Amino acid sequence: MRDETRRKLERQLWLDRLKWIGAGLGLAALAGVGLWVTGLDATVETHHVPGVVATVGPLVGTTTKAIEEGLAVDVKLDDGRLVHVMALKKTDPHVGDHVEVAEHVHGTGRVTYTWK
């Protein structure tokens, strides 16, 4: 094999190896970013927010047990926002009741609400 041909072949082999290494590093970086975002969303700050029950209705679209034991409640918060929470039937919410709901602010900025 000529020297020039051998160098071209070796260069092509190294380029192929570098492509595979680059793809592996890219996938590892993507997995690392995914884990970071998941960990960031796991950090939660909880605040209790007062409000008034606006509507109470049946819980739709979950398991049979949840439908039997839960209610869908809309709460008008004192700052004007309307939030949707799930409450157990044994808490017996009625329209006009003054309640507190827990506002959960996640590290990614996502906000969720639960019945206190």
N, C-alpha and C. Protein backbone atom coordinates (compact mmCIF):
# COMPACT_ATOMS: atom_id res chain seq x y z
N MET A 1 0.86 -1.17 0.00
CA MET A 1 0.00 0.00 0.00
C MET A 1 0.90 1.23 0.00
N ARG A 2 0.52 2.18 -0.82
CA ARG A 2 1.30 3.39 -0.90
C ARG A 2 1.12 4.22 0.37
N ASP A 3 2.09 5.01 0.66
CA ASP A 3 2.09 5.82 1.89
C ASP A 3 0.93 6.82 1.89
N GLU A 4 0.68 7.43 0.74
CA GLU A 4 -0.39 8.42 0.64
C GLU A 4 -1.76 7.76 0.84
N THR A 5 -1.97 6.60 0.29
CA THR A 5 -3.24 5.88 0.43
C THR A 5 -3.44 5.46 1.88
N ARG A 6 -2.40 4.99 2.53
CA ARG A 6 -2.48 4.59 3.94
C ARG A 6 -2.86 5.77 4.82
N ARG A 7 -2.28 6.94 4.58
CA ARG A 7 -2.62 8.14 5.37
C ARG A 7 -4.07 8.55 5.17
N LYS A 8 -4.57 8.50 3.93
CA LYS A 8 -5.97 8.82 3.66
C LYS A 8 -6.91 7.85 4.38
N LEU A 9 -6.54 6.57 4.36
CA LEU A 9 -7.37 5.56 5.02
C LEU A 9 -7.38 5.77 6.53
N GLU A 10 -6.21 6.01 7.11
CA GLU A 10 -6.13 6.27 8.55
C GLU A 10 -6.91 7.53 8.93
N ARG A 11 -6.80 8.55 8.10
CA ARG A 11 -7.54 9.79 8.37
C ARG A 11 -9.05 9.53 8.34
N GLN A 12 -9.52 8.77 7.39
CA GLN A 12 -10.95 8.45 7.29
C GLN A 12 -11.40 7.61 8.50
N LEU A 13 -10.58 6.69 8.93
CA LEU A 13 -10.92 5.87 10.11
C LEU A 13 -11.02 6.75 11.36
N TRP A 14 -10.09 7.69 11.51
CA TRP A 14 -10.16 8.59 12.66
C TRP A 14 -11.39 9.49 12.61
N LEU A 15 -11.76 9.97 11.43
CA LEU A 15 -12.96 10.79 11.28
C LEU A 15 -14.21 9.99 11.67
N ASP A 16 -14.27 8.73 11.26
CA ASP A 16 -15.40 7.88 11.63
C ASP A 16 -15.46 7.68 13.15
N ARG A 17 -14.31 7.45 13.77
CA ARG A 17 -14.26 7.29 15.23
C ARG A 17 -14.71 8.57 15.94
N LEU A 18 -14.25 9.72 15.45
CA LEU A 18 -14.63 10.99 16.05
C LEU A 18 -16.13 11.26 15.93
N LYS A 19 -16.74 10.83 14.81
CA LYS A 19 -18.18 10.97 14.66
C LYS A 19 -18.92 10.17 15.73
N TRP A 20 -18.49 8.94 15.96
CA TRP A 20 -19.12 8.10 16.98
C TRP A 20 -18.90 8.68 18.38
N ILE A 21 -17.71 9.17 18.63
CA ILE A 21 -17.43 9.77 19.94
C ILE A 21 -18.28 11.02 20.14
N GLY A 22 -18.41 11.84 19.10
CA GLY A 22 -19.24 13.04 19.18
C GLY A 22 -20.70 12.71 19.43
N ALA A 23 -21.20 11.69 18.75
CA ALA A 23 -22.60 11.27 18.95
C ALA A 23 -22.80 10.77 20.38
N GLY A 24 -21.84 10.01 20.90
CA GLY A 24 -21.93 9.52 22.28
C GLY A 24 -21.92 10.66 23.29
N LEU A 25 -21.02 11.63 23.07
CA LEU A 25 -20.96 12.78 23.97
C LEU A 25 -22.25 13.61 23.90
N GLY A 26 -22.81 13.74 22.71
CA GLY A 26 -24.07 14.47 22.55
C GLY A 26 -25.21 13.80 23.30
N LEU A 27 -25.30 12.48 23.20
CA LEU A 27 -26.33 11.74 23.93
C LEU A 27 -26.13 11.84 25.43
N ALA A 28 -24.88 11.77 25.89
CA ALA A 28 -24.60 11.90 27.32
C ALA A 28 -24.99 13.29 27.82
N ALA A 29 -24.70 14.32 27.03
CA ALA A 29 -25.07 15.68 27.42
C ALA A 29 -26.58 15.84 27.46
N LEU A 30 -27.28 15.26 26.50
CA LEU A 30 -28.75 15.31 26.47
C LEU A 30 -29.34 14.61 27.70
N ALA A 31 -28.80 13.46 28.05
CA ALA A 31 -29.26 12.74 29.24
C ALA A 31 -28.98 13.56 30.51
N GLY A 32 -27.83 14.19 30.57
CA GLY A 32 -27.50 15.03 31.73
C GLY A 32 -28.44 16.21 31.88
N VAL A 33 -28.79 16.85 30.77
CA VAL A 33 -29.72 17.98 30.81
C VAL A 33 -31.10 17.49 31.26
N GLY A 34 -31.51 16.32 30.77
CA GLY A 34 -32.79 15.75 31.18
C GLY A 34 -32.84 15.48 32.67
N LEU A 35 -31.78 14.93 33.21
CA LEU A 35 -31.72 14.68 34.66
C LEU A 35 -31.72 15.99 35.44
N TRP A 36 -31.04 17.00 34.94
CA TRP A 36 -31.00 18.29 35.62
C TRP A 36 -32.39 18.91 35.67
N VAL A 37 -33.11 18.88 34.55
CA VAL A 37 -34.46 19.46 34.51
C VAL A 37 -35.39 18.68 35.43
N THR A 38 -35.27 17.37 35.46
CA THR A 38 -36.10 16.55 36.35
C THR A 38 -35.82 16.90 37.80
N GLY A 39 -34.57 17.06 38.15
CA GLY A 39 -34.21 17.45 39.52
C GLY A 39 -34.68 18.84 39.85
N LEU A 40 -34.62 19.74 38.87
CA LEU A 40 -35.07 21.11 39.09
C LEU A 40 -36.57 21.15 39.34
N ASP A 41 -37.34 20.32 38.62
CA ASP A 41 -38.79 20.29 38.80
C ASP A 41 -39.15 19.63 40.13
N ALA A 42 -38.26 18.84 40.70
CA ALA A 42 -38.54 18.17 41.97
C ALA A 42 -38.44 19.14 43.15
N THR A 43 -37.78 20.27 42.99
CA THR A 43 -37.73 21.25 44.08
C THR A 43 -39.03 22.03 44.09
N VAL A 44 -39.72 22.00 45.22
CA VAL A 44 -41.05 22.59 45.31
C VAL A 44 -41.11 23.54 46.49
N GLU A 45 -41.70 24.70 46.25
CA GLU A 45 -41.95 25.69 47.29
C GLU A 45 -43.47 25.77 47.47
N THR A 46 -43.96 25.57 48.70
CA THR A 46 -45.40 25.52 48.95
C THR A 46 -45.87 26.76 49.70
N HIS A 47 -46.98 27.35 49.21
CA HIS A 47 -47.61 28.50 49.86
C HIS A 47 -49.08 28.17 50.06
N HIS A 48 -49.66 28.61 51.16
CA HIS A 48 -51.09 28.44 51.39
C HIS A 48 -51.80 29.72 50.99
N VAL A 49 -52.78 29.58 50.08
CA VAL A 49 -53.45 30.72 49.49
C VAL A 49 -54.95 30.65 49.82
N PRO A 50 -55.52 31.74 50.38
CA PRO A 50 -56.95 31.72 50.69
C PRO A 50 -57.80 31.97 49.45
N GLY A 51 -59.03 31.44 49.50
CA GLY A 51 -59.94 31.64 48.39
C GLY A 51 -61.35 31.22 48.77
N VAL A 52 -62.25 31.27 47.78
CA VAL A 52 -63.65 30.92 47.98
C VAL A 52 -64.02 29.86 46.96
N VAL A 53 -64.75 28.82 47.39
CA VAL A 53 -65.18 27.77 46.49
C VAL A 53 -66.17 28.35 45.49
N ALA A 54 -65.86 28.21 44.19
CA ALA A 54 -66.72 28.74 43.14
C ALA A 54 -67.69 27.68 42.63
N THR A 55 -67.20 26.49 42.34
CA THR A 55 -68.05 25.39 41.87
C THR A 55 -67.57 24.08 42.44
N VAL A 56 -68.51 23.15 42.58
CA VAL A 56 -68.20 21.79 43.02
C VAL A 56 -68.89 20.84 42.07
N GLY A 57 -68.16 19.87 41.57
CA GLY A 57 -68.75 18.92 40.64
C GLY A 57 -68.10 17.55 40.75
N PRO A 58 -68.60 16.60 39.99
CA PRO A 58 -68.01 15.25 40.03
C PRO A 58 -66.63 15.24 39.38
N LEU A 59 -65.80 14.35 39.84
CA LEU A 59 -64.46 14.18 39.28
C LEU A 59 -64.58 13.32 38.02
N VAL A 60 -64.00 13.76 36.92
CA VAL A 60 -64.14 13.06 35.64
C VAL A 60 -62.77 12.61 35.14
N GLY A 61 -62.72 11.41 34.56
CA GLY A 61 -61.56 10.98 33.81
C GLY A 61 -60.43 10.36 34.59
N THR A 62 -60.67 9.88 35.79
CA THR A 62 -59.60 9.22 36.54
C THR A 62 -60.06 7.80 36.89
N THR A 63 -59.48 7.19 37.89
CA THR A 63 -59.84 5.82 38.26
C THR A 63 -61.21 5.77 38.91
N THR A 64 -61.77 4.59 38.97
CA THR A 64 -63.09 4.40 39.57
C THR A 64 -63.08 4.80 41.04
N LYS A 65 -62.02 4.44 41.76
CA LYS A 65 -61.92 4.80 43.17
C LYS A 65 -61.89 6.31 43.35
N ALA A 66 -61.15 7.01 42.49
CA ALA A 66 -61.08 8.47 42.59
C ALA A 66 -62.44 9.09 42.30
N ILE A 67 -63.17 8.54 41.33
CA ILE A 67 -64.49 9.06 41.00
C ILE A 67 -65.44 8.89 42.19
N GLU A 68 -65.34 7.76 42.87
CA GLU A 68 -66.20 7.48 44.02
C GLU A 68 -65.86 8.36 45.22
N GLU A 69 -64.59 8.69 45.41
CA GLU A 69 -64.16 9.40 46.61
C GLU A 69 -63.84 10.87 46.40
N GLY A 70 -63.78 11.35 45.15
CA GLY A 70 -63.30 12.71 44.91
C GLY A 70 -64.32 13.62 44.26
N LEU A 71 -64.04 14.92 44.36
CA LEU A 71 -64.83 15.96 43.74
C LEU A 71 -63.89 16.92 43.01
N ALA A 72 -64.37 17.48 41.91
CA ALA A 72 -63.63 18.52 41.20
C ALA A 72 -64.13 19.86 41.74
N VAL A 73 -63.21 20.66 42.29
CA VAL A 73 -63.59 21.92 42.92
C VAL A 73 -62.83 23.06 42.25
N ASP A 74 -63.57 24.10 41.87
CA ASP A 74 -62.96 25.33 41.36
C ASP A 74 -62.93 26.34 42.49
N VAL A 75 -61.76 26.92 42.74
CA VAL A 75 -61.58 27.87 43.83
C VAL A 75 -61.15 29.21 43.26
N LYS A 76 -61.88 30.25 43.59
CA LYS A 76 -61.52 31.63 43.19
C LYS A 76 -60.62 32.18 44.29
N LEU A 77 -59.34 32.36 43.98
CA LEU A 77 -58.39 32.84 44.97
C LEU A 77 -58.61 34.32 45.24
N ASP A 78 -58.14 34.80 46.39
CA ASP A 78 -58.33 36.20 46.77
C ASP A 78 -57.64 37.16 45.80
N ASP A 79 -56.61 36.69 45.08
CA ASP A 79 -55.94 37.57 44.12
C ASP A 79 -56.59 37.53 42.74
N GLY A 80 -57.73 36.82 42.59
CA GLY A 80 -58.49 36.83 41.36
C GLY A 80 -58.31 35.62 40.46
N ARG A 81 -57.33 34.78 40.73
CA ARG A 81 -57.12 33.60 39.89
C ARG A 81 -58.16 32.53 40.20
N LEU A 82 -58.52 31.75 39.20
CA LEU A 82 -59.42 30.62 39.36
C LEU A 82 -58.60 29.35 39.19
N VAL A 83 -58.58 28.48 40.20
CA VAL A 83 -57.78 27.27 40.13
C VAL A 83 -58.69 26.06 40.29
N HIS A 84 -58.24 24.95 39.74
CA HIS A 84 -58.98 23.70 39.78
C HIS A 84 -58.22 22.73 40.68
N VAL A 85 -58.90 22.19 41.67
CA VAL A 85 -58.29 21.22 42.58
C VAL A 85 -59.22 20.03 42.75
N MET A 86 -58.66 18.94 43.25
CA MET A 86 -59.45 17.77 43.58
C MET A 86 -59.56 17.69 45.09
N ALA A 87 -60.76 17.44 45.60
CA ALA A 87 -60.98 17.32 47.04
C ALA A 87 -61.72 16.01 47.32
N LEU A 88 -61.49 15.45 48.48
CA LEU A 88 -62.22 14.25 48.88
C LEU A 88 -63.64 14.63 49.26
N LYS A 89 -64.58 13.73 49.01
CA LYS A 89 -65.98 13.98 49.34
C LYS A 89 -66.17 14.18 50.84
N LYS A 90 -65.33 13.54 51.65
CA LYS A 90 -65.50 13.65 53.10
C LYS A 90 -65.15 15.05 53.62
N THR A 91 -64.45 15.88 52.81
CA THR A 91 -64.19 17.26 53.24
C THR A 91 -65.43 18.13 53.05
N ASP A 92 -66.39 17.67 52.25
CA ASP A 92 -67.70 18.30 52.06
C ASP A 92 -67.61 19.79 51.70
N PRO A 93 -66.98 20.14 50.57
CA PRO A 93 -66.93 21.55 50.17
C PRO A 93 -68.26 22.02 49.58
N HIS A 94 -68.62 23.26 49.86
CA HIS A 94 -69.84 23.87 49.32
C HIS A 94 -69.48 25.21 48.67
N VAL A 95 -70.25 25.60 47.68
CA VAL A 95 -70.04 26.88 47.00
C VAL A 95 -70.15 28.00 48.02
N GLY A 96 -69.17 28.91 48.03
CA GLY A 96 -69.16 30.04 48.95
C GLY A 96 -68.32 29.80 50.19
N ASP A 97 -67.85 28.57 50.42
CA ASP A 97 -66.99 28.29 51.58
C ASP A 97 -65.64 28.98 51.41
N HIS A 98 -65.14 29.55 52.50
CA HIS A 98 -63.79 30.12 52.50
C HIS A 98 -62.81 28.99 52.82
N VAL A 99 -61.85 28.77 51.94
CA VAL A 99 -60.89 27.67 52.09
C VAL A 99 -59.48 28.17 51.82
N GLU A 100 -58.52 27.33 52.12
CA GLU A 100 -57.13 27.57 51.76
C GLU A 100 -56.68 26.42 50.88
N VAL A 101 -56.03 26.72 49.78
CA VAL A 101 -55.43 25.70 48.92
C VAL A 101 -53.93 25.87 48.97
N ALA A 102 -53.23 24.78 48.73
CA ALA A 102 -51.77 24.82 48.72
C ALA A 102 -51.29 25.06 47.29
N GLU A 103 -50.51 26.11 47.11
CA GLU A 103 -49.93 26.43 45.81
C GLU A 103 -48.50 25.92 45.81
N HIS A 104 -48.18 25.03 44.87
CA HIS A 104 -46.85 24.44 44.77
C HIS A 104 -46.13 25.04 43.57
N VAL A 105 -45.06 25.79 43.82
CA VAL A 105 -44.26 26.39 42.75
C VAL A 105 -43.01 25.53 42.57
N HIS A 106 -42.91 24.88 41.41
CA HIS A 106 -41.78 23.99 41.13
C HIS A 106 -40.60 24.80 40.61
N GLY A 107 -39.42 24.20 40.67
CA GLY A 107 -38.20 24.87 40.25
C GLY A 107 -38.21 25.31 38.80
N THR A 108 -38.97 24.63 37.96
CA THR A 108 -39.04 24.99 36.54
C THR A 108 -40.04 26.09 36.27
N GLY A 109 -40.79 26.51 37.31
CA GLY A 109 -41.79 27.55 37.14
C GLY A 109 -43.20 27.01 37.04
N ARG A 110 -43.34 25.70 36.95
CA ARG A 110 -44.66 25.08 36.89
C ARG A 110 -45.37 25.27 38.22
N VAL A 111 -46.67 25.58 38.20
CA VAL A 111 -47.45 25.82 39.42
C VAL A 111 -48.59 24.83 39.46
N THR A 112 -48.74 24.12 40.60
CA THR A 112 -49.85 23.19 40.79
C THR A 112 -50.55 23.54 42.09
N TYR A 113 -51.79 23.09 42.24
CA TYR A 113 -52.58 23.39 43.41
C TYR A 113 -53.16 22.11 43.99
N THR A 114 -53.22 22.03 45.32
CA THR A 114 -53.86 20.90 45.98
C THR A 114 -54.77 21.42 47.10
N TRP A 115 -55.75 20.62 47.45
CA TRP A 115 -56.68 20.94 48.51
C TRP A 115 -55.96 20.79 49.83
N LYS A 116 -56.06 21.77 50.68
CA LYS A 116 -55.37 21.71 51.98
C LYS A 116 -56.21 20.96 52.98
